[in-house]
Amino acid sequence: MKEDNIVIFMTFGDLTEAHLIKGILDDNGIPCFLSDENTLSVYPLYNQGLGGIKLSVFERDLEIAARVIKEQQEETIIPEEQEDLNNSSDTTPVCPVCGSHNVAYGASVCRKYGWLTILVSIILQVYPFAVRKRFHCFNCGNDFKRSEN
């Protein structure tokens, strides 16, 4: 049956955030479970390799879970913060290629490591310790630095 399929609802890089969201879904009677949480709590450097901590739900509960999480996020924003969010559209980064506001800041997708980091990591035989941080556009896939205007 299609409704009994298990799908990944969200992925997390942080165990605490994963348990908070799981707790919200559990409180609302939505069955869910976390996978890869034990592995990543013991070996946090495997996070990117495993794809993070995965929160899974039944496919039939997907829309309800999304609505519950959205409502919870709306409730936690203080009205003054909501006004600040509405008025701060000029500080939101814009993709220089496509003009989209659908961007996030984090580890660079392209050219994640610099040459010095790669060289030191090979010599010391350790996982690369410094990752380039960039804004990433989810519409066109462009990585960019925020321009200071």
N, C-alpha and C. Protein backbone atom coordinates (compact mmCIF):
# COMPACT_ATOMS: atom_id res chain seq x y z
N MET A 1 0.83 -1.18 0.00
CA MET A 1 0.00 0.00 0.00
C MET A 1 0.87 1.25 0.00
N LYS A 2 0.53 2.23 -0.79
CA LYS A 2 1.32 3.44 -0.90
C LYS A 2 1.35 4.22 0.41
N GLU A 3 0.28 4.18 1.16
CA GLU A 3 0.18 4.97 2.38
C GLU A 3 1.09 4.44 3.49
N ASP A 4 1.56 3.18 3.38
CA ASP A 4 2.41 2.62 4.41
C ASP A 4 3.89 2.81 4.11
N ASN A 5 4.22 3.51 3.02
CA ASN A 5 5.61 3.79 2.71
C ASN A 5 6.19 4.75 3.74
N ILE A 6 7.45 4.52 4.08
CA ILE A 6 8.16 5.41 5.00
C ILE A 6 9.02 6.33 4.16
N VAL A 7 8.92 7.64 4.42
CA VAL A 7 9.68 8.64 3.68
C VAL A 7 10.48 9.50 4.66
N ILE A 8 11.59 10.04 4.16
CA ILE A 8 12.40 10.94 4.98
C ILE A 8 11.72 12.30 4.97
N PHE A 9 11.33 12.77 6.14
CA PHE A 9 10.63 14.04 6.28
C PHE A 9 11.60 15.21 6.37
N MET A 10 12.64 15.08 7.18
CA MET A 10 13.63 16.14 7.36
C MET A 10 14.98 15.50 7.65
N THR A 11 16.06 16.25 7.38
CA THR A 11 17.40 15.82 7.78
C THR A 11 18.02 16.92 8.62
N PHE A 12 18.88 16.52 9.55
CA PHE A 12 19.47 17.46 10.50
C PHE A 12 20.96 17.21 10.62
N GLY A 13 21.70 18.25 10.91
CA GLY A 13 23.11 18.14 11.22
C GLY A 13 23.34 18.15 12.72
N ASP A 14 22.29 18.43 13.48
CA ASP A 14 22.40 18.58 14.92
C ASP A 14 21.42 17.62 15.61
N LEU A 15 21.94 16.81 16.53
CA LEU A 15 21.12 15.82 17.22
C LEU A 15 20.03 16.47 18.07
N THR A 16 20.35 17.59 18.71
CA THR A 16 19.38 18.26 19.57
C THR A 16 18.18 18.74 18.77
N GLU A 17 18.43 19.38 17.64
CA GLU A 17 17.34 19.86 16.80
C GLU A 17 16.48 18.70 16.29
N ALA A 18 17.12 17.60 15.94
CA ALA A 18 16.38 16.42 15.47
C ALA A 18 15.43 15.90 16.55
N HIS A 19 15.92 15.84 17.79
CA HIS A 19 15.06 15.36 18.88
C HIS A 19 13.95 16.35 19.21
N LEU A 20 14.20 17.65 19.07
CA LEU A 20 13.14 18.64 19.31
C LEU A 20 12.00 18.47 18.31
N ILE A 21 12.34 18.35 17.03
CA ILE A 21 11.30 18.18 16.00
C ILE A 21 10.59 16.85 16.18
N LYS A 22 11.33 15.79 16.50
CA LYS A 22 10.71 14.49 16.73
C LYS A 22 9.75 14.57 17.91
N GLY A 23 10.13 15.29 18.96
CA GLY A 23 9.25 15.46 20.11
C GLY A 23 7.96 16.18 19.77
N ILE A 24 8.06 17.19 18.90
CA ILE A 24 6.85 17.92 18.47
C ILE A 24 5.91 16.98 17.72
N LEU A 25 6.47 16.17 16.82
CA LEU A 25 5.62 15.23 16.07
C LEU A 25 5.05 14.16 17.00
N ASP A 26 5.84 13.65 17.93
CA ASP A 26 5.34 12.65 18.89
C ASP A 26 4.20 13.23 19.73
N ASP A 27 4.34 14.48 20.19
CA ASP A 27 3.29 15.12 20.98
C ASP A 27 1.99 15.27 20.22
N ASN A 28 2.08 15.38 18.90
CA ASN A 28 0.88 15.52 18.06
C ASN A 28 0.39 14.19 17.52
N GLY A 29 0.92 13.09 18.03
CA GLY A 29 0.44 11.76 17.66
C GLY A 29 0.87 11.30 16.28
N ILE A 30 1.94 11.86 15.75
CA ILE A 30 2.43 11.46 14.43
C ILE A 30 3.60 10.50 14.66
N PRO A 31 3.43 9.22 14.25
CA PRO A 31 4.52 8.27 14.45
C PRO A 31 5.73 8.63 13.58
N CYS A 32 6.90 8.63 14.18
CA CYS A 32 8.12 8.98 13.44
C CYS A 32 9.32 8.35 14.14
N PHE A 33 10.44 8.31 13.44
CA PHE A 33 11.66 7.79 14.04
C PHE A 33 12.88 8.45 13.41
N LEU A 34 13.98 8.44 14.15
CA LEU A 34 15.25 9.00 13.69
C LEU A 34 16.17 7.86 13.26
N SER A 35 16.91 8.08 12.18
CA SER A 35 17.92 7.11 11.77
C SER A 35 19.27 7.80 11.68
N ASP A 36 20.32 7.04 11.88
CA ASP A 36 21.71 7.49 11.87
C ASP A 36 22.04 8.40 13.06
N GLU A 37 21.18 8.49 14.04
CA GLU A 37 21.46 9.36 15.18
C GLU A 37 22.59 8.81 16.05
N ASN A 38 22.62 7.50 16.28
CA ASN A 38 23.67 6.94 17.13
C ASN A 38 25.03 7.01 16.44
N THR A 39 25.06 6.70 15.16
CA THR A 39 26.32 6.76 14.43
C THR A 39 26.89 8.16 14.44
N LEU A 40 26.05 9.15 14.20
CA LEU A 40 26.53 10.53 14.11
C LEU A 40 26.81 11.14 15.48
N SER A 41 26.22 10.61 16.52
CA SER A 41 26.57 11.12 17.86
C SER A 41 27.94 10.60 18.28
N VAL A 42 28.33 9.42 17.81
CA VAL A 42 29.64 8.87 18.12
C VAL A 42 30.70 9.38 17.15
N TYR A 43 30.34 9.47 15.85
CA TYR A 43 31.27 9.91 14.80
C TYR A 43 30.70 11.12 14.07
N PRO A 44 30.77 12.31 14.65
CA PRO A 44 30.15 13.48 14.03
C PRO A 44 30.77 13.87 12.69
N LEU A 45 31.99 13.45 12.42
CA LEU A 45 32.61 13.79 11.14
C LEU A 45 31.99 13.01 9.98
N TYR A 46 31.21 11.98 10.26
CA TYR A 46 30.54 11.21 9.21
C TYR A 46 29.24 11.89 8.75
N ASN A 47 28.92 13.04 9.31
CA ASN A 47 27.65 13.71 9.04
C ASN A 47 27.40 13.91 7.56
N GLN A 48 28.35 14.48 6.84
CA GLN A 48 28.15 14.73 5.42
C GLN A 48 28.11 13.44 4.62
N GLY A 49 28.90 12.46 5.02
CA GLY A 49 28.93 11.18 4.30
C GLY A 49 27.63 10.42 4.42
N LEU A 50 27.00 10.46 5.58
CA LEU A 50 25.73 9.75 5.78
C LEU A 50 24.51 10.60 5.42
N GLY A 51 24.70 11.87 5.22
CA GLY A 51 23.57 12.73 4.87
C GLY A 51 22.82 13.28 6.06
N GLY A 52 23.41 13.26 7.22
CA GLY A 52 22.78 13.83 8.40
C GLY A 52 21.87 12.86 9.11
N ILE A 53 21.24 13.34 10.18
CA ILE A 53 20.28 12.56 10.94
C ILE A 53 18.94 12.69 10.23
N LYS A 54 18.32 11.57 9.94
CA LYS A 54 17.09 11.56 9.14
C LYS A 54 15.88 11.32 10.03
N LEU A 55 14.87 12.17 9.88
CA LEU A 55 13.59 12.00 10.57
C LEU A 55 12.61 11.46 9.55
N SER A 56 12.10 10.26 9.80
CA SER A 56 11.20 9.61 8.84
C SER A 56 9.79 9.50 9.39
N VAL A 57 8.82 9.61 8.50
CA VAL A 57 7.40 9.47 8.84
C VAL A 57 6.73 8.62 7.77
N PHE A 58 5.51 8.17 8.07
CA PHE A 58 4.73 7.48 7.05
C PHE A 58 4.29 8.48 5.99
N GLU A 59 4.20 8.02 4.76
CA GLU A 59 3.82 8.90 3.66
C GLU A 59 2.43 9.51 3.89
N ARG A 60 1.55 8.77 4.52
CA ARG A 60 0.19 9.28 4.77
C ARG A 60 0.19 10.45 5.77
N ASP A 61 1.24 10.54 6.62
CA ASP A 61 1.33 11.60 7.63
C ASP A 61 2.19 12.77 7.20
N LEU A 62 2.69 12.76 5.97
CA LEU A 62 3.64 13.77 5.51
C LEU A 62 3.06 15.18 5.55
N GLU A 63 1.86 15.37 5.01
CA GLU A 63 1.24 16.70 4.98
C GLU A 63 0.90 17.19 6.38
N ILE A 64 0.41 16.30 7.21
CA ILE A 64 0.06 16.69 8.58
C ILE A 64 1.33 17.09 9.35
N ALA A 65 2.41 16.33 9.18
CA ALA A 65 3.66 16.64 9.87
C ALA A 65 4.20 18.00 9.42
N ALA A 66 4.14 18.27 8.12
CA ALA A 66 4.62 19.56 7.60
C ALA A 66 3.80 20.71 8.18
N ARG A 67 2.49 20.51 8.27
CA ARG A 67 1.62 21.56 8.82
C ARG A 67 1.90 21.80 10.30
N VAL A 68 2.09 20.72 11.05
CA VAL A 68 2.37 20.84 12.49
C VAL A 68 3.67 21.58 12.73
N ILE A 69 4.70 21.25 11.98
CA ILE A 69 6.00 21.91 12.15
C ILE A 69 5.90 23.38 11.75
N LYS A 70 5.19 23.67 10.67
CA LYS A 70 5.03 25.06 10.25
C LYS A 70 4.28 25.87 11.31
N GLU A 71 3.22 25.31 11.87
CA GLU A 71 2.46 25.99 12.92
C GLU A 71 3.33 26.23 14.15
N GLN A 72 4.14 25.24 14.50
CA GLN A 72 5.02 25.37 15.67
C GLN A 72 6.04 26.48 15.44
N GLN A 73 6.60 26.55 14.25
CA GLN A 73 7.58 27.60 13.95
C GLN A 73 6.93 28.98 13.99
N GLU A 74 5.71 29.10 13.50
CA GLU A 74 5.00 30.39 13.53
C GLU A 74 4.70 30.82 14.95
N GLU A 75 4.39 29.86 15.83
CA GLU A 75 4.07 30.18 17.22
C GLU A 75 5.30 30.64 17.99
N THR A 76 6.47 30.15 17.63
CA THR A 76 7.68 30.47 18.40
C THR A 76 8.27 31.82 18.02
N ILE A 77 7.81 32.43 16.93
CA ILE A 77 8.32 33.76 16.56
C ILE A 77 7.57 34.81 17.36
N ILE A 78 8.30 35.63 18.06
CA ILE A 78 7.71 36.72 18.84
C ILE A 78 7.22 37.79 17.86
N PRO A 79 6.07 38.44 18.11
CA PRO A 79 5.55 39.44 17.17
C PRO A 79 6.55 40.51 16.76
N GLU A 80 7.39 41.00 17.70
CA GLU A 80 8.38 42.00 17.32
C GLU A 80 9.39 41.43 16.33
N GLU A 81 9.77 40.16 16.55
CA GLU A 81 10.71 39.51 15.63
C GLU A 81 10.07 39.32 14.26
N GLN A 82 8.76 39.03 14.24
CA GLN A 82 8.06 38.86 12.97
C GLN A 82 8.08 40.17 12.18
N GLU A 83 7.87 41.31 12.88
CA GLU A 83 7.94 42.61 12.20
C GLU A 83 9.34 42.86 11.67
N ASP A 84 10.36 42.50 12.47
CA ASP A 84 11.74 42.66 12.00
C ASP A 84 12.00 41.81 10.78
N LEU A 85 11.45 40.58 10.76
CA LEU A 85 11.63 39.72 9.60
C LEU A 85 10.95 40.31 8.37
N ASN A 86 9.77 40.88 8.56
CA ASN A 86 9.05 41.47 7.43
C ASN A 86 9.74 42.72 6.91
N ASN A 87 10.32 43.51 7.81
CA ASN A 87 10.95 44.76 7.42
C ASN A 87 12.39 44.59 6.95
N SER A 88 12.98 43.42 7.15
CA SER A 88 14.39 43.23 6.83
C SER A 88 14.60 42.58 5.47
N SER A 89 13.68 42.75 4.54
CA SER A 89 13.81 42.12 3.22
C SER A 89 14.99 42.69 2.46
N ASP A 90 15.41 43.94 2.79
CA ASP A 90 16.55 44.51 2.09
C ASP A 90 17.86 43.89 2.56
N THR A 91 17.90 43.25 3.73
CA THR A 91 19.12 42.61 4.20
C THR A 91 19.18 41.13 3.79
N THR A 92 18.11 40.60 3.24
CA THR A 92 18.11 39.22 2.79
C THR A 92 19.00 39.10 1.56
N PRO A 93 19.94 38.14 1.55
CA PRO A 93 20.80 38.01 0.38
C PRO A 93 20.02 37.59 -0.86
N VAL A 94 20.47 38.09 -1.99
CA VAL A 94 19.84 37.79 -3.28
C VAL A 94 20.89 37.15 -4.17
N CYS A 95 20.51 36.09 -4.86
CA CYS A 95 21.43 35.41 -5.77
C CYS A 95 21.80 36.36 -6.91
N PRO A 96 23.09 36.57 -7.16
CA PRO A 96 23.49 37.48 -8.23
C PRO A 96 23.23 36.92 -9.63
N VAL A 97 23.01 35.61 -9.75
CA VAL A 97 22.77 34.99 -11.07
C VAL A 97 21.30 35.05 -11.46
N CYS A 98 20.41 34.57 -10.55
CA CYS A 98 18.99 34.48 -10.92
C CYS A 98 18.10 35.46 -10.15
N GLY A 99 18.63 36.16 -9.14
CA GLY A 99 17.86 37.14 -8.39
C GLY A 99 16.92 36.53 -7.36
N SER A 100 17.09 35.25 -7.03
CA SER A 100 16.21 34.56 -6.11
C SER A 100 16.57 34.88 -4.65
N HIS A 101 15.55 34.84 -3.78
CA HIS A 101 15.76 34.99 -2.33
C HIS A 101 15.82 33.63 -1.65
N ASN A 102 15.71 32.54 -2.43
CA ASN A 102 15.73 31.18 -1.90
C ASN A 102 17.18 30.74 -1.70
N VAL A 103 17.87 31.38 -0.74
CA VAL A 103 19.28 31.12 -0.48
C VAL A 103 19.49 30.80 0.99
N ALA A 104 20.59 30.10 1.27
CA ALA A 104 20.96 29.78 2.65
C ALA A 104 22.47 29.85 2.78
N TYR A 105 22.94 30.10 3.99
CA TYR A 105 24.37 30.19 4.27
C TYR A 105 24.85 28.89 4.87
N GLY A 106 25.97 28.38 4.37
CA GLY A 106 26.52 27.15 4.92
C GLY A 106 27.75 26.73 4.16
N ALA A 107 28.09 25.45 4.31
CA ALA A 107 29.26 24.92 3.63
C ALA A 107 29.07 25.02 2.13
N SER A 108 30.10 25.43 1.44
CA SER A 108 30.06 25.59 -0.01
C SER A 108 29.83 24.26 -0.68
N VAL A 109 29.03 24.25 -1.74
CA VAL A 109 28.78 23.03 -2.50
C VAL A 109 29.92 22.81 -3.49
N CYS A 110 30.33 23.86 -4.15
CA CYS A 110 31.44 23.79 -5.10
C CYS A 110 32.72 24.26 -4.40
N ARG A 111 33.82 23.60 -4.67
CA ARG A 111 35.11 23.99 -4.10
C ARG A 111 35.01 24.19 -2.58
N LYS A 112 34.67 23.13 -1.91
CA LYS A 112 34.43 23.18 -0.47
C LYS A 112 35.70 23.43 0.33
N TYR A 113 36.84 22.92 -0.15
CA TYR A 113 38.08 23.03 0.59
C TYR A 113 39.11 23.82 -0.21
N GLY A 114 39.94 24.58 0.49
CA GLY A 114 41.05 25.29 -0.15
C GLY A 114 42.25 24.38 -0.28
N TRP A 115 43.22 24.78 -1.10
CA TRP A 115 44.42 23.98 -1.34
C TRP A 115 45.21 23.75 -0.06
N LEU A 116 45.34 24.76 0.77
CA LEU A 116 46.09 24.61 2.01
C LEU A 116 45.44 23.58 2.94
N THR A 117 44.13 23.62 3.03
CA THR A 117 43.39 22.66 3.85
C THR A 117 43.60 21.25 3.33
N ILE A 118 43.53 21.08 2.03
CA ILE A 118 43.72 19.75 1.43
C ILE A 118 45.13 19.25 1.71
N LEU A 119 46.12 20.11 1.51
CA LEU A 119 47.51 19.72 1.72
C LEU A 119 47.77 19.32 3.17
N VAL A 120 47.33 20.14 4.12
CA VAL A 120 47.53 19.82 5.54
C VAL A 120 46.78 18.55 5.91
N SER A 121 45.60 18.35 5.37
CA SER A 121 44.81 17.15 5.67
C SER A 121 45.49 15.90 5.15
N ILE A 122 46.12 15.98 3.96
CA ILE A 122 46.83 14.82 3.42
C ILE A 122 48.07 14.52 4.25
N ILE A 123 48.83 15.56 4.58
CA ILE A 123 50.06 15.35 5.35
C ILE A 123 49.75 14.77 6.73
N LEU A 124 48.74 15.31 7.40
CA LEU A 124 48.41 14.85 8.76
C LEU A 124 47.46 13.66 8.76
N GLN A 125 46.94 13.29 7.59
CA GLN A 125 45.99 12.19 7.44
C GLN A 125 44.79 12.37 8.35
N VAL A 126 44.18 13.55 8.26
CA VAL A 126 42.98 13.86 9.04
C VAL A 126 41.89 14.34 8.09
N TYR A 127 40.69 14.37 8.59
CA TYR A 127 39.56 14.90 7.84
C TYR A 127 39.77 16.41 7.66
N PRO A 128 39.46 16.97 6.48
CA PRO A 128 39.65 18.42 6.28
C PRO A 128 38.94 19.21 7.38
N PHE A 129 39.67 20.12 8.01
CA PHE A 129 39.17 20.82 9.18
C PHE A 129 38.54 22.17 8.89
N ALA A 130 38.83 22.75 7.74
CA ALA A 130 38.27 24.07 7.42
C ALA A 130 37.44 23.97 6.14
N VAL A 131 36.20 24.36 6.23
CA VAL A 131 35.29 24.30 5.09
C VAL A 131 34.93 25.72 4.70
N ARG A 132 34.94 26.01 3.40
CA ARG A 132 34.54 27.33 2.93
C ARG A 132 33.05 27.51 3.16
N LYS A 133 32.68 28.66 3.65
CA LYS A 133 31.28 29.00 3.88
C LYS A 133 30.84 29.98 2.80
N ARG A 134 29.70 29.72 2.19
CA ARG A 134 29.16 30.56 1.13
C ARG A 134 27.64 30.53 1.21
N PHE A 135 27.01 31.49 0.54
CA PHE A 135 25.57 31.44 0.32
C PHE A 135 25.33 30.51 -0.86
N HIS A 136 24.26 29.72 -0.80
CA HIS A 136 23.92 28.80 -1.87
C HIS A 136 22.48 29.07 -2.32
N CYS A 137 22.30 29.26 -3.63
CA CYS A 137 20.97 29.47 -4.21
C CYS A 137 20.38 28.11 -4.55
N PHE A 138 19.19 27.84 -4.04
CA PHE A 138 18.54 26.56 -4.30
C PHE A 138 17.80 26.55 -5.63
N ASN A 139 17.64 27.71 -6.26
CA ASN A 139 16.98 27.76 -7.56
C ASN A 139 17.95 27.44 -8.70
N CYS A 140 19.12 28.09 -8.70
CA CYS A 140 20.07 27.90 -9.81
C CYS A 140 21.32 27.13 -9.40
N GLY A 141 21.53 26.88 -8.10
CA GLY A 141 22.68 26.11 -7.64
C GLY A 141 23.96 26.91 -7.51
N ASN A 142 23.90 28.23 -7.58
CA ASN A 142 25.08 29.08 -7.52
C ASN A 142 25.55 29.27 -6.08
N ASP A 143 26.88 29.18 -5.86
CA ASP A 143 27.49 29.54 -4.58
C ASP A 143 28.08 30.93 -4.72
N PHE A 144 27.85 31.79 -3.71
CA PHE A 144 28.35 33.17 -3.80
C PHE A 144 28.60 33.74 -2.42
N LYS A 145 29.47 34.76 -2.38
CA LYS A 145 29.69 35.53 -1.16
C LYS A 145 28.70 36.68 -1.14
N ARG A 146 28.33 37.10 0.03
CA ARG A 146 27.41 38.23 0.15
C ARG A 146 28.15 39.51 -0.16
N SER A 147 27.60 40.31 -1.03
CA SER A 147 28.25 41.58 -1.38
C SER A 147 27.91 42.61 -0.32
N GLU A 148 28.88 43.37 0.07
CA GLU A 148 28.71 44.41 1.09
C GLU A 148 28.40 45.73 0.39
N ASN A 149 27.12 46.03 0.22
CA ASN A 149 26.69 47.29 -0.43
C ASN A 149 26.12 48.24 0.58
